[in-house]
Each structure stands twice: as C-alpha cells, then as structure tokens.
C-alpha cells in the first residue's frame, strides 16, 4: 500500500492565500494615484500614444515630461518604457514586415550596450537634474525634426555606432531613445511608412532591454509597473485612433502641431526644474 500523505492544513493554506491577497491589495493601493492624478496620467498616455501612432515617434518624448509632472521623473521613465513595450506588441502585426530591419540591426547592439549606463544615471541623478536632462533632450529632438536635417543613407561605421550608443544612453536615463535615431531612420527609409514602422520596432526593442536592466538592477518598484498597466487602456485606444488617422491623412498637417506641443512640454518641465 502507498503511504498515507500528510493531511493538508486547510486553515494554513487559506491563511497563505489571504496573505497573498492582502499583499496584492496593498501593492495596488500604493500604485493607485488620486482620481484627478489618474485622469491626468491617462490623458498624458492617450495624447502620447496618439502622437506616436500617428507619426511613428514622440511617445516617450511627450509622455515622460508629462508624467514627470505627476509622479516624478524616476517613476515616469520606467512607466514610459513599459507602455512603449506594450504599444509595440499591439502594433507588431502591422509594422513588423514594413520595418527596415537592416538599419535596426546596425544600431540596436550599441544601444543595448549603452543602456545600462543610462539606467545608472537615472539611479544617481536627483529629480531636478533629470528634468533638465529630459527637457534638453526633448528640445534637441524638436530642433532636429523642425530643421528638416536628414542624414545620408550611407554613413561611416563609427557614426552609426555612436548613434546607437547615444540612443541607448538616453533610453536608460530618460526613456527617450528617439532624438539620435529619428534623423537616422528618416534618412535611410525608402518611404515615410517604412521609417514609421522602423521607429516603432526600434523603440519597442530598446524599451524591453532598458526596462529589463532596471528590473535586474532593482531600481524599478513593482508599484510603478502596476500603475503603468492600469493606464494601458488609454494607450491601446490611442494606438487604434492614431493608426486610423495616419492612414487617412498622413502626418503633413499634424507634425507642426506635434512639434509645437512637444516644445511647450519641454519648456514647462525646464522651468519647473530650474525654479525648483
């Protein structure tokens, strides 16, 4: 005969389940903002997602400064990275085949290598210093896009590697991998749609890498990620609406408005950082 198993202590098992449920409820309560702040954060996510789905860039550039006004830059950066990753998963079937994978493979390795140094900056810099860094990076990106500057299709290897490295450094510290690579993809892509798809895929891949580094380093609290998940419905809705608008109108009319709004966001954050 088989030996009798030890009897299960039902009360102990129920106690463990109750304890886990209590821990989750405490985690959920810690992650949740006040109702007005949740509404503002959801609106920031929706606007940023709409911008990115429409023109292929600008998600983190818009979201990080806006969220930083609500939750602070240290929380805003990993939240933007997670939401960018979720956005990429939602849009993957539509953009995967249209992306310029050759260009992505040229700069992504250096971005991955540089990302840990950016995460280190996120960990050691104070909130106001981060706000200044984010604002300057955003204003630089806007200036590049507004100037119409386009890189040649063929670049020396050191220049290509430096673009990837700078992008990874910015991704880790500000979640804004975009400024160095915007002109890179716009200069190499055969069509605006190909550039948009390439930026979608590149930003999603750098977000996965950078967020993983932050989690391994232990500087990203679970409450921060849970809050980002709670805001994701606004992101998914903005992706649908932005993609519809892109295929109906393109970005000819929207880009000047987007650049103006991004400039205002950067200036507001810069003033907040300088005035304390």
C-alpha atoms as a PDB file:
ATOM      1  CA  UNK A   1       0.000   0.000   0.000  1.00  0.00           C
ATOM      2  CA  UNK A   2       1.119   3.560  -0.661  1.00  0.00           C
ATOM      3  CA  UNK A   3       1.973   5.542   2.477  1.00  0.00           C
ATOM      4  CA  UNK A   4      -0.640   7.992   3.613  1.00  0.00           C
ATOM      5  CA  UNK A   5       0.160  11.591   2.756  1.00  0.00           C
ATOM      6  CA  UNK A   6       0.270  14.203   5.466  1.00  0.00           C
ATOM      7  CA  UNK A   7      -3.120  15.853   5.985  1.00  0.00           C
ATOM      8  CA  UNK A   8      -3.471  19.298   4.470  1.00  0.00           C
ATOM      9  CA  UNK A   9      -3.850  22.108   6.956  1.00  0.00           C
ATOM     10  CA  UNK A  10      -6.766  23.938   5.318  1.00  0.00           C
ATOM     11  CA  UNK A  11      -6.617  26.877   7.663  1.00  0.00           C
ATOM     12  CA  UNK A  12      -2.893  27.354   6.953  1.00  0.00           C
ATOM     13  CA  UNK A  13      -3.469  27.206   3.179  1.00  0.00           C
ATOM     14  CA  UNK A  14      -6.298  29.725   3.441  1.00  0.00           C
ATOM     15  CA  UNK A  15      -4.033  31.911   5.548  1.00  0.00           C
ATOM     16  CA  UNK A  16      -1.339  31.930   2.848  1.00  0.00           C
ATOM     17  CA  UNK A  17      -3.931  32.810   0.178  1.00  0.00           C
ATOM     18  CA  UNK A  18      -5.318  35.583   2.364  1.00  0.00           C
ATOM     19  CA  UNK A  19      -1.800  36.902   2.952  1.00  0.00           C
ATOM     20  CA  UNK A  20      -1.005  36.967  -0.773  1.00  0.00           C
ATOM     21  CA  UNK A  21      -4.298  38.712  -1.481  1.00  0.00           C
ATOM     22  CA  UNK A  22      -3.556  41.305   1.193  1.00  0.00           C
ATOM     23  CA  UNK A  23      -0.093  41.923  -0.253  1.00  0.00           C
ATOM     24  CA  UNK A  24      -1.571  42.464  -3.720  1.00  0.00           C
ATOM     25  CA  UNK A  25      -4.212  44.841  -2.361  1.00  0.00           C
ATOM     26  CA  UNK A  26      -1.538  46.848  -0.540  1.00  0.00           C
ATOM     27  CA  UNK A  27       0.549  46.918  -3.734  1.00  0.00           C
ATOM     28  CA  UNK A  28      -2.480  48.056  -5.743  1.00  0.00           C
ATOM     29  CA  UNK A  29      -3.281  50.759  -3.186  1.00  0.00           C
ATOM     30  CA  UNK A  30       0.318  52.019  -3.229  1.00  0.00           C
ATOM     31  CA  UNK A  31       0.309  52.137  -7.039  1.00  0.00           C
ATOM     32  CA  UNK A  32      -3.004  53.973  -7.423  1.00  0.00           C
ATOM     33  CA  UNK A  33      -2.966  57.759  -7.667  1.00  0.00           C
ATOM     34  CA  UNK A  34      -5.714  60.126  -6.628  1.00  0.00           C
ATOM     35  CA  UNK A  35      -8.637  60.319  -9.056  1.00  0.00           C
ATOM     36  CA  UNK A  36      -7.582  63.679 -10.572  1.00  0.00           C
ATOM     37  CA  UNK A  37      -3.976  62.499 -10.993  1.00  0.00           C
ATOM     38  CA  UNK A  38      -5.123  59.198 -12.560  1.00  0.00           C
ATOM     39  CA  UNK A  39      -7.242  61.157 -15.037  1.00  0.00           C
ATOM     40  CA  UNK A  40      -4.315  63.450 -15.888  1.00  0.00           C
ATOM     41  CA  UNK A  41      -1.947  60.488 -16.268  1.00  0.00           C
ATOM     42  CA  UNK A  42      -4.413  58.654 -18.531  1.00  0.00           C
ATOM     43  CA  UNK A  43      -4.814  61.798 -20.648  1.00  0.00           C
ATOM     44  CA  UNK A  44      -0.997  62.075 -20.926  1.00  0.00           C
ATOM     45  CA  UNK A  45      -0.749  58.446 -22.044  1.00  0.00           C
ATOM     46  CA  UNK A  46      -3.550  58.900 -24.570  1.00  0.00           C
ATOM     47  CA  UNK A  47      -2.028  62.042 -26.087  1.00  0.00           C
ATOM     48  CA  UNK A  48       1.449  60.494 -26.271  1.00  0.00           C
ATOM     49  CA  UNK A  49       0.147  57.262 -27.782  1.00  0.00           C
ATOM     50  CA  UNK A  50      -1.873  59.194 -30.352  1.00  0.00           C
ATOM     51  CA  UNK A  51       1.225  61.147 -31.331  1.00  0.00           C
ATOM     52  CA  UNK A  52       3.348  58.023 -31.734  1.00  0.00           C
ATOM     53  CA  UNK A  53       0.717  56.025 -33.619  1.00  0.00           C
ATOM     54  CA  UNK A  54       0.210  58.948 -35.987  1.00  0.00           C
ATOM     55  CA  UNK A  55       3.777  59.890 -36.889  1.00  0.00           C
ATOM     56  CA  UNK A  56       5.819  56.933 -35.557  1.00  0.00           C
ATOM     57  CA  UNK A  57       7.741  58.818 -32.853  1.00  0.00           C
ATOM     58  CA  UNK A  58       7.236  61.115 -29.883  1.00  0.00           C
ATOM     59  CA  UNK A  59       5.700  58.729 -27.341  1.00  0.00           C
ATOM     60  CA  UNK A  60       8.374  58.927 -24.658  1.00  0.00           C
ATOM     61  CA  UNK A  61       9.258  62.497 -25.661  1.00  0.00           C
ATOM     62  CA  UNK A  62       5.723  63.582 -24.795  1.00  0.00           C
ATOM     63  CA  UNK A  63       4.896  61.112 -22.018  1.00  0.00           C
ATOM     64  CA  UNK A  64       7.994  61.323 -19.798  1.00  0.00           C
ATOM     65  CA  UNK A  65       7.798  65.117 -19.218  1.00  0.00           C
ATOM     66  CA  UNK A  66       4.021  64.968 -18.705  1.00  0.00           C
ATOM     67  CA  UNK A  67       4.147  62.009 -16.304  1.00  0.00           C
ATOM     68  CA  UNK A  68       7.118  63.548 -14.505  1.00  0.00           C
ATOM     69  CA  UNK A  69       4.879  66.470 -13.543  1.00  0.00           C
ATOM     70  CA  UNK A  70       2.525  63.958 -11.846  1.00  0.00           C
ATOM     71  CA  UNK A  71       4.684  61.111 -10.473  1.00  0.00           C
ATOM     72  CA  UNK A  72       8.246  62.470 -10.800  1.00  0.00           C
ATOM     73  CA  UNK A  73      10.893  61.599 -13.414  1.00  0.00           C
ATOM     74  CA  UNK A  74      12.254  58.500 -11.641  1.00  0.00           C
ATOM     75  CA  UNK A  75       8.844  56.792 -11.916  1.00  0.00           C
ATOM     76  CA  UNK A  76       7.951  58.344 -15.291  1.00  0.00           C
ATOM     77  CA  UNK A  77      10.908  56.792 -17.133  1.00  0.00           C
ATOM     78  CA  UNK A  78      10.166  53.079 -16.400  1.00  0.00           C
ATOM     79  CA  UNK A  79       6.442  53.678 -16.882  1.00  0.00           C
ATOM     80  CA  UNK A  80       7.110  55.093 -20.343  1.00  0.00           C
ATOM     81  CA  UNK A  81       9.385  52.152 -21.166  1.00  0.00           C
ATOM     82  CA  UNK A  82       6.752  49.583 -20.189  1.00  0.00           C
ATOM     83  CA  UNK A  83       3.965  51.383 -22.042  1.00  0.00           C
ATOM     84  CA  UNK A  84       6.165  51.736 -25.125  1.00  0.00           C
ATOM     85  CA  UNK A  85       6.802  47.994 -24.996  1.00  0.00           C
ATOM     86  CA  UNK A  86       3.066  47.253 -24.713  1.00  0.00           C
ATOM     87  CA  UNK A  87       2.373  49.634 -27.591  1.00  0.00           C
ATOM     88  CA  UNK A  88       4.926  47.830 -29.731  1.00  0.00           C
ATOM     89  CA  UNK A  89       3.277  44.471 -29.026  1.00  0.00           C
ATOM     90  CA  UNK A  90      -0.105  45.843 -30.046  1.00  0.00           C
ATOM     91  CA  UNK A  91       1.237  47.316 -33.295  1.00  0.00           C
ATOM     92  CA  UNK A  92       3.627  44.442 -34.092  1.00  0.00           C
ATOM     93  CA  UNK A  93       1.448  42.671 -36.702  1.00  0.00           C
ATOM     94  CA  UNK A  94       1.020  45.929 -38.652  1.00  0.00           C
ATOM     95  CA  UNK A  95       4.606  47.199 -38.690  1.00  0.00           C
ATOM     96  CA  UNK A  96       6.833  44.106 -38.442  1.00  0.00           C
ATOM     97  CA  UNK A  97       7.055  43.446 -42.193  1.00  0.00           C
ATOM     98  CA  UNK A  98       7.409  47.111 -43.165  1.00  0.00           C
ATOM     99  CA  UNK A  99      10.331  47.936 -40.855  1.00  0.00           C
ATOM    100  CA  UNK A 100      13.881  48.405 -42.171  1.00  0.00           C
ATOM    101  CA  UNK A 101      15.448  45.557 -40.200  1.00  0.00           C
ATOM    102  CA  UNK A 102      18.888  46.069 -41.734  1.00  0.00           C
ATOM    103  CA  UNK A 103      19.060  49.578 -40.280  1.00  0.00           C
ATOM    104  CA  UNK A 104      17.703  48.395 -36.929  1.00  0.00           C
ATOM    105  CA  UNK A 105      20.366  45.677 -36.674  1.00  0.00           C
ATOM    106  CA  UNK A 106      23.118  48.245 -37.314  1.00  0.00           C
ATOM    107  CA  UNK A 107      22.352  50.462 -34.309  1.00  0.00           C
ATOM    108  CA  UNK A 108      20.491  48.237 -31.832  1.00  0.00           C
ATOM    109  CA  UNK A 109      23.556  46.363 -30.413  1.00  0.00           C
ATOM    110  CA  UNK A 110      25.312  49.583 -29.355  1.00  0.00           C
ATOM    111  CA  UNK A 111      22.065  50.894 -27.875  1.00  0.00           C
ATOM    112  CA  UNK A 112      21.781  47.736 -25.760  1.00  0.00           C
ATOM    113  CA  UNK A 113      25.388  48.079 -24.585  1.00  0.00           C
ATOM    114  CA  UNK A 114      24.940  51.748 -23.637  1.00  0.00           C
ATOM    115  CA  UNK A 115      21.537  51.371 -21.919  1.00  0.00           C
ATOM    116  CA  UNK A 116      22.952  50.229 -18.515  1.00  0.00           C
ATOM    117  CA  UNK A 117      24.956  53.460 -18.246  1.00  0.00           C
ATOM    118  CA  UNK A 118      21.761  55.424 -18.831  1.00  0.00           C
ATOM    119  CA  UNK A 119      19.973  53.410 -16.138  1.00  0.00           C
ATOM    120  CA  UNK A 120      22.872  54.250 -13.794  1.00  0.00           C
ATOM    121  CA  UNK A 121      22.318  57.966 -14.461  1.00  0.00           C
ATOM    122  CA  UNK A 122      18.615  57.513 -13.688  1.00  0.00           C
ATOM    123  CA  UNK A 123      19.561  55.992 -10.355  1.00  0.00           C
ATOM    124  CA  UNK A 124      22.099  58.618  -9.226  1.00  0.00           C
ATOM    125  CA  UNK A 125      20.694  61.922 -10.536  1.00  0.00           C
ATOM    126  CA  UNK A 126      18.238  63.954  -8.463  1.00  0.00           C
ATOM    127  CA  UNK A 127      14.769  64.798  -9.768  1.00  0.00           C
ATOM    128  CA  UNK A 128      15.563  68.333 -10.949  1.00  0.00           C
ATOM    129  CA  UNK A 129      18.722  67.206 -12.764  1.00  0.00           C
ATOM    130  CA  UNK A 130      16.699  64.518 -14.522  1.00  0.00           C
ATOM    131  CA  UNK A 131      14.053  67.058 -15.503  1.00  0.00           C
ATOM    132  CA  UNK A 132      16.728  69.299 -17.025  1.00  0.00           C
ATOM    133  CA  UNK A 133      18.275  66.337 -18.891  1.00  0.00           C
ATOM    134  CA  UNK A 134      14.866  65.262 -20.221  1.00  0.00           C
ATOM    135  CA  UNK A 135      13.954  68.816 -21.264  1.00  0.00           C
ATOM    136  CA  UNK A 136      17.248  69.393 -23.084  1.00  0.00           C
ATOM    137  CA  UNK A 137      16.977  66.034 -24.889  1.00  0.00           C
ATOM    138  CA  UNK A 138      13.417  66.848 -25.945  1.00  0.00           C
ATOM    139  CA  UNK A 139      14.277  70.351 -27.180  1.00  0.00           C
ATOM    140  CA  UNK A 140      17.204  68.915 -29.145  1.00  0.00           C
ATOM    141  CA  UNK A 141      14.939  66.354 -30.801  1.00  0.00           C
ATOM    142  CA  UNK A 142      12.384  69.012 -31.708  1.00  0.00           C
ATOM    143  CA  UNK A 143      15.095  71.231 -33.194  1.00  0.00           C
ATOM    144  CA  UNK A 144      16.391  68.361 -35.347  1.00  0.00           C
ATOM    145  CA  UNK A 145      12.923  67.471 -36.603  1.00  0.00           C
ATOM    146  CA  UNK A 146      11.981  71.076 -37.278  1.00  0.00           C
ATOM    147  CA  UNK A 147      15.209  71.755 -39.199  1.00  0.00           C
ATOM    148  CA  UNK A 148      14.458  69.019 -41.717  1.00  0.00           C
ATOM    149  CA  UNK A 149      18.020  67.732 -41.399  1.00  0.00           C
ATOM    150  CA  UNK A 150      18.421  64.283 -42.993  1.00  0.00           C
ATOM    151  CA  UNK A 151      21.431  62.015 -42.697  1.00  0.00           C
ATOM    152  CA  UNK A 152      22.823  60.433 -45.873  1.00  0.00           C
ATOM    153  CA  UNK A 153      21.865  56.823 -46.500  1.00  0.00           C
ATOM    154  CA  UNK A 154      25.493  55.648 -46.218  1.00  0.00           C
ATOM    155  CA  UNK A 155      27.308  56.543 -43.008  1.00  0.00           C
ATOM    156  CA  UNK A 156      30.767  55.608 -41.672  1.00  0.00           C
ATOM    157  CA  UNK A 157      30.560  52.755 -39.179  1.00  0.00           C
ATOM    158  CA  UNK A 158      31.776  54.872 -36.193  1.00  0.00           C
ATOM    159  CA  UNK A 159      28.984  57.392 -36.831  1.00  0.00           C
ATOM    160  CA  UNK A 160      26.378  54.619 -36.986  1.00  0.00           C
ATOM    161  CA  UNK A 161      27.681  53.073 -33.753  1.00  0.00           C
ATOM    162  CA  UNK A 162      27.667  56.452 -31.988  1.00  0.00           C
ATOM    163  CA  UNK A 163      24.017  56.959 -32.985  1.00  0.00           C
ATOM    164  CA  UNK A 164      23.113  53.634 -31.381  1.00  0.00           C
ATOM    165  CA  UNK A 165      25.190  54.312 -28.272  1.00  0.00           C
ATOM    166  CA  UNK A 166      23.739  57.774 -27.686  1.00  0.00           C
ATOM    167  CA  UNK A 167      20.249  56.414 -28.222  1.00  0.00           C
ATOM    168  CA  UNK A 168      20.790  53.666 -25.634  1.00  0.00           C
ATOM    169  CA  UNK A 169      22.207  56.136 -23.102  1.00  0.00           C
ATOM    170  CA  UNK A 170      19.155  58.375 -23.482  1.00  0.00           C
ATOM    171  CA  UNK A 171      16.794  55.390 -23.342  1.00  0.00           C
ATOM    172  CA  UNK A 172      18.182  54.303 -19.986  1.00  0.00           C
ATOM    173  CA  UNK A 173      18.208  57.743 -18.378  1.00  0.00           C
ATOM    174  CA  UNK A 174      15.166  59.455 -19.932  1.00  0.00           C
ATOM    175  CA  UNK A 175      13.259  56.710 -21.865  1.00  0.00           C
ATOM    176  CA  UNK A 176      13.812  58.912 -24.943  1.00  0.00           C
ATOM    177  CA  UNK A 177      15.786  56.782 -27.357  1.00  0.00           C
ATOM    178  CA  UNK A 178      14.432  58.830 -30.221  1.00  0.00           C
ATOM    179  CA  UNK A 179      16.486  62.024 -30.738  1.00  0.00           C
ATOM    180  CA  UNK A 180      19.575  60.399 -32.352  1.00  0.00           C
ATOM    181  CA  UNK A 181      17.656  57.825 -34.386  1.00  0.00           C
ATOM    182  CA  UNK A 182      14.880  59.989 -35.808  1.00  0.00           C
ATOM    183  CA  UNK A 183      17.109  61.528 -38.445  1.00  0.00           C
ATOM    184  CA  UNK A 184      18.822  58.155 -38.925  1.00  0.00           C
ATOM    185  CA  UNK A 185      15.650  56.310 -39.924  1.00  0.00           C
ATOM    186  CA  UNK A 186      14.171  59.238 -41.824  1.00  0.00           C
ATOM    187  CA  UNK A 187      17.362  59.398 -43.914  1.00  0.00           C
ATOM    188  CA  UNK A 188      17.563  55.670 -44.660  1.00  0.00           C
ATOM    189  CA  UNK A 189      13.944  54.598 -45.055  1.00  0.00           C
ATOM    190  CA  UNK A 190      12.567  54.301 -48.582  1.00  0.00           C
ATOM    191  CA  UNK A 191       9.134  55.668 -47.615  1.00  0.00           C
ATOM    192  CA  UNK A 192       7.608  57.572 -44.645  1.00  0.00           C
ATOM    193  CA  UNK A 193       5.663  54.419 -43.782  1.00  0.00           C
ATOM    194  CA  UNK A 194       8.897  52.386 -43.639  1.00  0.00           C
ATOM    195  CA  UNK A 195      10.507  54.997 -41.369  1.00  0.00           C
ATOM    196  CA  UNK A 196       7.457  54.958 -39.096  1.00  0.00           C
ATOM    197  CA  UNK A 197       7.483  51.141 -38.878  1.00  0.00           C
ATOM    198  CA  UNK A 198      11.240  51.059 -38.203  1.00  0.00           C
ATOM    199  CA  UNK A 199      10.945  53.561 -35.371  1.00  0.00           C
ATOM    200  CA  UNK A 200       8.046  51.596 -33.877  1.00  0.00           C
ATOM    201  CA  UNK A 201      10.100  48.404 -33.782  1.00  0.00           C
ATOM    202  CA  UNK A 202      13.346  50.023 -32.631  1.00  0.00           C
ATOM    203  CA  UNK A 203      11.753  51.928 -29.747  1.00  0.00           C
ATOM    204  CA  UNK A 204       9.885  48.803 -28.622  1.00  0.00           C
ATOM    205  CA  UNK A 205      13.071  46.702 -28.620  1.00  0.00           C
ATOM    206  CA  UNK A 206      15.104  49.302 -26.724  1.00  0.00           C
ATOM    207  CA  UNK A 207      12.266  49.641 -24.192  1.00  0.00           C
ATOM    208  CA  UNK A 208      12.299  45.897 -23.482  1.00  0.00           C
ATOM    209  CA  UNK A 209      16.066  45.914 -22.985  1.00  0.00           C
ATOM    210  CA  UNK A 210      16.224  49.032 -20.830  1.00  0.00           C
ATOM    211  CA  UNK A 211      13.295  48.061 -18.611  1.00  0.00           C
ATOM    212  CA  UNK A 212      14.824  44.612 -18.049  1.00  0.00           C
ATOM    213  CA  UNK A 213      18.077  46.250 -16.943  1.00  0.00           C
ATOM    214  CA  UNK A 214      16.186  48.469 -14.500  1.00  0.00           C
ATOM    215  CA  UNK A 215      14.343  45.484 -13.029  1.00  0.00           C
ATOM    216  CA  UNK A 216      17.535  43.448 -12.650  1.00  0.00           C
ATOM    217  CA  UNK A 217      19.262  46.421 -11.008  1.00  0.00           C
ATOM    218  CA  UNK A 218      16.365  46.704  -8.546  1.00  0.00           C
ATOM    219  CA  UNK A 219      15.626  50.393  -9.188  1.00  0.00           C
ATOM    220  CA  UNK A 220      12.134  49.901 -10.669  1.00  0.00           C
ATOM    221  CA  UNK A 221       9.433  49.320  -8.000  1.00  0.00           C
ATOM    222  CA  UNK A 222       6.573  46.948  -8.834  1.00  0.00           C
ATOM    223  CA  UNK A 223       4.101  49.679  -7.905  1.00  0.00           C
ATOM    224  CA  UNK A 224       5.421  51.760 -10.791  1.00  0.00           C
ATOM    225  CA  UNK A 225       4.856  48.954 -13.285  1.00  0.00           C
ATOM    226  CA  UNK A 226       1.386  48.229 -11.903  1.00  0.00           C
ATOM    227  CA  UNK A 227       0.424  51.876 -12.368  1.00  0.00           C
ATOM    228  CA  UNK A 228       1.625  51.722 -15.978  1.00  0.00           C
ATOM    229  CA  UNK A 229      -0.525  48.632 -16.576  1.00  0.00           C
ATOM    230  CA  UNK A 230      -3.538  50.456 -15.126  1.00  0.00           C
ATOM    231  CA  UNK A 231      -3.009  53.253 -17.653  1.00  0.00           C
ATOM    232  CA  UNK A 232      -2.566  50.895 -20.633  1.00  0.00           C
ATOM    233  CA  UNK A 233      -6.232  51.010 -21.833  1.00  0.00           C
ATOM    234  CA  UNK A 234      -5.709  54.682 -22.726  1.00  0.00           C
ATOM    235  CA  UNK A 235      -2.642  53.645 -24.721  1.00  0.00           C
ATOM    236  CA  UNK A 236      -4.415  50.881 -26.636  1.00  0.00           C
ATOM    237  CA  UNK A 237      -7.258  53.229 -27.581  1.00  0.00           C
ATOM    238  CA  UNK A 238      -4.814  55.895 -28.773  1.00  0.00           C
ATOM    239  CA  UNK A 239      -2.968  53.346 -30.934  1.00  0.00           C
ATOM    240  CA  UNK A 240      -6.178  52.451 -32.751  1.00  0.00           C
ATOM    241  CA  UNK A 241      -7.186  56.065 -33.300  1.00  0.00           C
ATOM    242  CA  UNK A 242      -3.693  57.233 -34.268  1.00  0.00           C
ATOM    243  CA  UNK A 243      -3.205  54.443 -36.819  1.00  0.00           C
ATOM    244  CA  UNK A 244      -6.576  55.235 -38.362  1.00  0.00           C
ATOM    245  CA  UNK A 245      -5.631  58.916 -38.610  1.00  0.00           C
ATOM    246  CA  UNK A 246      -2.228  58.113 -40.162  1.00  0.00           C
ATOM    247  CA  UNK A 247      -3.738  56.017 -42.951  1.00  0.00           C
ATOM    248  CA  UNK A 248      -6.417  58.616 -43.604  1.00  0.00           C
ATOM    249  CA  UNK A 249      -4.352  61.813 -43.523  1.00  0.00           C
ATOM    250  CA  UNK A 250      -0.627  61.130 -43.092  1.00  0.00           C
ATOM    251  CA  UNK A 251       1.498  63.433 -40.935  1.00  0.00           C
ATOM    252  CA  UNK A 252       1.620  66.546 -43.135  1.00  0.00           C
ATOM    253  CA  UNK A 253      -0.810  68.596 -41.031  1.00  0.00           C
ATOM    254  CA  UNK A 254      -0.115  67.025 -37.665  1.00  0.00           C
ATOM    255  CA  UNK A 255       3.682  67.309 -37.416  1.00  0.00           C
ATOM    256  CA  UNK A 256       3.863  71.133 -36.917  1.00  0.00           C
ATOM    257  CA  UNK A 257       1.255  70.881 -34.161  1.00  0.00           C
ATOM    258  CA  UNK A 258       3.102  67.964 -32.554  1.00  0.00           C
ATOM    259  CA  UNK A 259       6.438  69.823 -32.587  1.00  0.00           C
ATOM    260  CA  UNK A 260       4.818  72.887 -31.025  1.00  0.00           C
ATOM    261  CA  UNK A 261       3.245  70.830 -28.243  1.00  0.00           C
ATOM    262  CA  UNK A 262       6.498  68.965 -27.552  1.00  0.00           C
ATOM    263  CA  UNK A 263       8.336  72.299 -27.297  1.00  0.00           C
ATOM    264  CA  UNK A 264       5.805  73.630 -24.785  1.00  0.00           C
ATOM    265  CA  UNK A 265       6.054  70.436 -22.725  1.00  0.00           C
ATOM    266  CA  UNK A 266       9.849  70.687 -22.626  1.00  0.00           C
ATOM    267  CA  UNK A 267       9.793  74.356 -21.634  1.00  0.00           C
ATOM    268  CA  UNK A 268       7.280  73.765 -18.820  1.00  0.00           C
ATOM    269  CA  UNK A 269       9.430  70.967 -17.410  1.00  0.00           C
ATOM    270  CA  UNK A 270      12.605  73.021 -17.745  1.00  0.00           C
ATOM    271  CA  UNK A 271      11.046  75.955 -15.878  1.00  0.00           C
ATOM    272  CA  UNK A 272       9.838  73.603 -13.140  1.00  0.00           C
ATOM    273  CA  UNK A 273      13.328  72.117 -12.758  1.00  0.00           C
ATOM    274  CA  UNK A 274      15.095  75.491 -12.661  1.00  0.00           C
ATOM    275  CA  UNK A 275      12.641  77.158 -10.269  1.00  0.00           C
ATOM    276  CA  UNK A 276      12.511  74.092  -8.025  1.00  0.00           C
END
